[in-house]
Amino acid sequence: MLKKLNILMLFMGLSMLSFSQDEIKPCGQLPTVNPTLKPKCNNDMQKVFSQNLPSSFNKEKSYNSSFKLIVDCNGRIDMVIYKKGNFSESQQKHFLTLINTLKDWNAGQVDGKDVSTTVYITIDVNKRVVSFKVY
């Protein structure tokens, strides 16, 4: 009986090790606006923003809006908010959803240390063509 219990404990210990996630470190600071190394998105943002553009973006009109997001010290998006612009509520939701799908970020750094960073994204849609700027 004791041998079976030891084998069961060994199996449970090994399974916990194999299913452990990457270590997520606590950031513990307010987001910085001017890091020495800016966060960088590793996703193809142009492809993400251009796919499945809602029909509410009229071909004859121009739209522009800005979003603020926090990329934490682990390279994860912590928060996204719509700042200003002329997107309708449904258009805002569309781009908020797309921004939240951008999961692969390198964290910003100050003096070689990963920090949480404020990132702004300006999105322009002109004749249904999407362009953007990250700053």
C-alpha atoms as a PDB file:
ATOM      1  CA  MET A   1       0.000   0.000   0.000  1.00  0.00           C
ATOM      2  CA  LEU A   2       2.803   2.436   0.863  1.00  0.00           C
ATOM      3  CA  LYS A   3       4.557   1.643  -2.419  1.00  0.00           C
ATOM      4  CA  LYS A   4       1.384   2.474  -4.376  1.00  0.00           C
ATOM      5  CA  LEU A   5       1.004   5.731  -2.468  1.00  0.00           C
ATOM      6  CA  ASN A   6       4.626   6.725  -3.252  1.00  0.00           C
ATOM      7  CA  ILE A   7       4.124   5.969  -6.935  1.00  0.00           C
ATOM      8  CA  LEU A   8       0.912   8.012  -6.948  1.00  0.00           C
ATOM      9  CA  MET A   9       2.668  10.964  -5.241  1.00  0.00           C
ATOM     10  CA  LEU A  10       5.560  10.759  -7.740  1.00  0.00           C
ATOM     11  CA  PHE A  11       3.125  10.729 -10.663  1.00  0.00           C
ATOM     12  CA  MET A  12       1.216  13.736  -9.285  1.00  0.00           C
ATOM     13  CA  GLY A  13       4.451  15.666  -8.711  1.00  0.00           C
ATOM     14  CA  LEU A  14       5.666  15.017 -12.255  1.00  0.00           C
ATOM     15  CA  SER A  15       2.314  15.972 -13.753  1.00  0.00           C
ATOM     16  CA  MET A  16       2.306  19.264 -11.828  1.00  0.00           C
ATOM     17  CA  LEU A  17       5.775  20.070 -13.171  1.00  0.00           C
ATOM     18  CA  SER A  18       4.795  19.320 -16.743  1.00  0.00           C
ATOM     19  CA  PHE A  19       1.698  21.547 -16.574  1.00  0.00           C
ATOM     20  CA  SER A  20       3.300  24.512 -14.831  1.00  0.00           C
ATOM     21  CA  GLN A  21       3.034  27.824 -16.646  1.00  0.00           C
ATOM     22  CA  ASP A  22       5.731  30.368 -17.310  1.00  0.00           C
ATOM     23  CA  GLU A  23       6.620  32.338 -14.230  1.00  0.00           C
ATOM     24  CA  ILE A  24       4.760  35.626 -14.122  1.00  0.00           C
ATOM     25  CA  LYS A  25       6.613  38.197 -12.081  1.00  0.00           C
ATOM     26  CA  PRO A  26       4.769  40.929 -10.218  1.00  0.00           C
ATOM     27  CA  CYS A  27       5.415  44.315 -11.794  1.00  0.00           C
ATOM     28  CA  GLY A  28       4.823  46.451  -8.709  1.00  0.00           C
ATOM     29  CA  GLN A  29       5.135  49.878 -10.298  1.00  0.00           C
ATOM     30  CA  LEU A  30       3.043  52.470 -12.089  1.00  0.00           C
ATOM     31  CA  PRO A  31       3.293  52.373 -15.893  1.00  0.00           C
ATOM     32  CA  THR A  32       6.020  54.556 -17.352  1.00  0.00           C
ATOM     33  CA  VAL A  33       5.426  56.709 -20.426  1.00  0.00           C
ATOM     34  CA  ASN A  34       9.080  57.213 -21.452  1.00  0.00           C
ATOM     35  CA  PRO A  35      10.974  53.928 -21.186  1.00  0.00           C
ATOM     36  CA  THR A  36      14.540  53.672 -22.444  1.00  0.00           C
ATOM     37  CA  LEU A  37      13.371  50.707 -24.579  1.00  0.00           C
ATOM     38  CA  LYS A  38       9.774  50.846 -25.823  1.00  0.00           C
ATOM     39  CA  PRO A  39       7.538  47.765 -25.778  1.00  0.00           C
ATOM     40  CA  LYS A  40       7.346  46.010 -29.117  1.00  0.00           C
ATOM     41  CA  CYS A  41       4.462  43.965 -30.479  1.00  0.00           C
ATOM     42  CA  ASN A  42       5.604  40.745 -32.153  1.00  0.00           C
ATOM     43  CA  ASN A  43       2.293  40.256 -33.985  1.00  0.00           C
ATOM     44  CA  ASP A  44       1.639  41.488 -37.532  1.00  0.00           C
ATOM     45  CA  MET A  45      -0.497  44.442 -36.456  1.00  0.00           C
ATOM     46  CA  GLN A  46      -1.273  45.521 -40.031  1.00  0.00           C
ATOM     47  CA  LYS A  47      -2.709  42.100 -40.806  1.00  0.00           C
ATOM     48  CA  VAL A  48      -4.706  41.984 -37.553  1.00  0.00           C
ATOM     49  CA  PHE A  49      -6.175  45.473 -37.990  1.00  0.00           C
ATOM     50  CA  SER A  50      -7.006  45.027 -41.692  1.00  0.00           C
ATOM     51  CA  GLN A  51      -8.803  41.693 -41.487  1.00  0.00           C
ATOM     52  CA  ASN A  52     -12.603  41.612 -41.381  1.00  0.00           C
ATOM     53  CA  LEU A  53     -13.101  45.375 -41.362  1.00  0.00           C
ATOM     54  CA  PRO A  54     -16.781  45.970 -40.509  1.00  0.00           C
ATOM     55  CA  SER A  55     -19.039  47.310 -43.225  1.00  0.00           C
ATOM     56  CA  SER A  56     -19.809  50.301 -40.968  1.00  0.00           C
ATOM     57  CA  PHE A  57     -16.562  51.856 -42.237  1.00  0.00           C
ATOM     58  CA  ASN A  58     -17.924  53.695 -45.267  1.00  0.00           C
ATOM     59  CA  LYS A  59     -15.705  53.732 -48.360  1.00  0.00           C
ATOM     60  CA  GLU A  60     -16.313  57.466 -48.804  1.00  0.00           C
ATOM     61  CA  LYS A  61     -15.364  58.550 -45.275  1.00  0.00           C
ATOM     62  CA  SER A  62     -12.242  58.878 -43.153  1.00  0.00           C
ATOM     63  CA  TYR A  63     -12.074  57.715 -39.551  1.00  0.00           C
ATOM     64  CA  ASN A  64      -9.407  58.114 -36.916  1.00  0.00           C
ATOM     65  CA  SER A  65      -9.147  57.235 -33.262  1.00  0.00           C
ATOM     66  CA  SER A  66      -6.599  56.611 -30.575  1.00  0.00           C
ATOM     67  CA  PHE A  67      -6.354  53.921 -27.940  1.00  0.00           C
ATOM     68  CA  LYS A  68      -4.293  53.746 -24.760  1.00  0.00           C
ATOM     69  CA  LEU A  69      -2.995  50.454 -23.477  1.00  0.00           C
ATOM     70  CA  ILE A  70      -0.766  49.255 -20.673  1.00  0.00           C
ATOM     71  CA  VAL A  71       1.812  46.587 -21.506  1.00  0.00           C
ATOM     72  CA  ASP A  72       2.973  45.116 -18.206  1.00  0.00           C
ATOM     73  CA  CYS A  73       6.509  44.051 -17.263  1.00  0.00           C
ATOM     74  CA  ASN A  74       5.719  40.502 -18.460  1.00  0.00           C
ATOM     75  CA  GLY A  75       4.812  41.689 -21.969  1.00  0.00           C
ATOM     76  CA  ARG A  76       1.068  41.207 -21.493  1.00  0.00           C
ATOM     77  CA  ILE A  77      -1.636  43.742 -22.298  1.00  0.00           C
ATOM     78  CA  ASP A  78      -3.050  44.811 -18.957  1.00  0.00           C
ATOM     79  CA  MET A  79      -5.643  47.345 -20.086  1.00  0.00           C
ATOM     80  CA  VAL A  80      -6.980  48.938 -23.283  1.00  0.00           C
ATOM     81  CA  ILE A  81      -9.159  52.035 -23.415  1.00  0.00           C
ATOM     82  CA  TYR A  82     -10.577  54.134 -26.239  1.00  0.00           C
ATOM     83  CA  LYS A  83      -9.249  57.688 -25.905  1.00  0.00           C
ATOM     84  CA  LYS A  84     -10.757  59.856 -28.633  1.00  0.00           C
ATOM     85  CA  GLY A  85     -11.787  59.913 -32.266  1.00  0.00           C
ATOM     86  CA  ASN A  86     -14.768  59.508 -34.532  1.00  0.00           C
ATOM     87  CA  PHE A  87     -15.315  55.729 -34.350  1.00  0.00           C
ATOM     88  CA  SER A  88     -18.864  54.671 -33.537  1.00  0.00           C
ATOM     89  CA  GLU A  89     -19.402  52.453 -30.502  1.00  0.00           C
ATOM     90  CA  SER A  90     -19.417  49.280 -32.620  1.00  0.00           C
ATOM     91  CA  GLN A  91     -16.263  50.381 -34.466  1.00  0.00           C
ATOM     92  CA  GLN A  92     -14.565  51.048 -31.121  1.00  0.00           C
ATOM     93  CA  LYS A  93     -15.513  47.579 -29.884  1.00  0.00           C
ATOM     94  CA  HIS A  94     -14.155  46.028 -33.074  1.00  0.00           C
ATOM     95  CA  PHE A  95     -10.702  47.576 -32.613  1.00  0.00           C
ATOM     96  CA  LEU A  96     -10.682  47.067 -28.820  1.00  0.00           C
ATOM     97  CA  THR A  97     -11.243  43.359 -29.466  1.00  0.00           C
ATOM     98  CA  LEU A  98      -8.473  43.276 -32.082  1.00  0.00           C
ATOM     99  CA  ILE A  99      -5.990  45.097 -29.828  1.00  0.00           C
ATOM    100  CA  ASN A 100      -6.695  42.601 -27.057  1.00  0.00           C
ATOM    101  CA  THR A 101      -5.748  39.755 -29.425  1.00  0.00           C
ATOM    102  CA  LEU A 102      -2.202  41.163 -29.730  1.00  0.00           C
ATOM    103  CA  LYS A 103      -0.729  38.835 -27.108  1.00  0.00           C
ATOM    104  CA  ASP A 104       2.969  38.762 -28.018  1.00  0.00           C
ATOM    105  CA  TRP A 105       4.744  41.844 -26.664  1.00  0.00           C
ATOM    106  CA  ASN A 106       8.264  42.466 -25.467  1.00  0.00           C
ATOM    107  CA  ALA A 107       8.017  44.548 -22.302  1.00  0.00           C
ATOM    108  CA  GLY A 108       9.389  48.075 -22.184  1.00  0.00           C
ATOM    109  CA  GLN A 109      12.579  48.615 -20.208  1.00  0.00           C
ATOM    110  CA  VAL A 110      14.147  51.297 -18.071  1.00  0.00           C
ATOM    111  CA  ASP A 111      17.878  50.815 -17.484  1.00  0.00           C
ATOM    112  CA  GLY A 112      17.654  47.147 -18.551  1.00  0.00           C
ATOM    113  CA  LYS A 113      14.757  46.287 -16.205  1.00  0.00           C
ATOM    114  CA  ASP A 114      11.354  45.233 -17.607  1.00  0.00           C
ATOM    115  CA  VAL A 115       8.653  47.737 -16.647  1.00  0.00           C
ATOM    116  CA  SER A 116       4.963  48.341 -17.273  1.00  0.00           C
ATOM    117  CA  THR A 117       4.576  50.903 -20.030  1.00  0.00           C
ATOM    118  CA  THR A 118       1.835  53.102 -21.442  1.00  0.00           C
ATOM    119  CA  VAL A 119       1.432  52.648 -25.200  1.00  0.00           C
ATOM    120  CA  TYR A 120      -0.743  54.730 -27.526  1.00  0.00           C
ATOM    121  CA  ILE A 121      -2.050  53.450 -30.858  1.00  0.00           C
ATOM    122  CA  THR A 122      -3.595  55.785 -33.420  1.00  0.00           C
ATOM    123  CA  ILE A 123      -5.705  54.034 -36.049  1.00  0.00           C
ATOM    124  CA  ASP A 124      -6.789  55.719 -39.288  1.00  0.00           C
ATOM    125  CA  VAL A 125      -9.258  54.208 -41.747  1.00  0.00           C
ATOM    126  CA  ASN A 126      -9.363  56.077 -45.044  1.00  0.00           C
ATOM    127  CA  LYS A 127     -11.476  54.621 -47.851  1.00  0.00           C
ATOM    128  CA  ARG A 128     -11.473  51.305 -45.915  1.00  0.00           C
ATOM    129  CA  VAL A 129      -7.666  51.182 -45.835  1.00  0.00           C
ATOM    130  CA  VAL A 130      -6.251  50.868 -42.313  1.00  0.00           C
ATOM    131  CA  SER A 131      -3.069  52.580 -41.185  1.00  0.00           C
ATOM    132  CA  PHE A 132      -1.792  52.942 -37.644  1.00  0.00           C
ATOM    133  CA  LYS A 133       0.973  54.361 -35.520  1.00  0.00           C
ATOM    134  CA  VAL A 134       2.290  53.066 -32.207  1.00  0.00           C
ATOM    135  CA  TYR A 135       3.938  55.531 -29.863  1.00  0.00           C
END
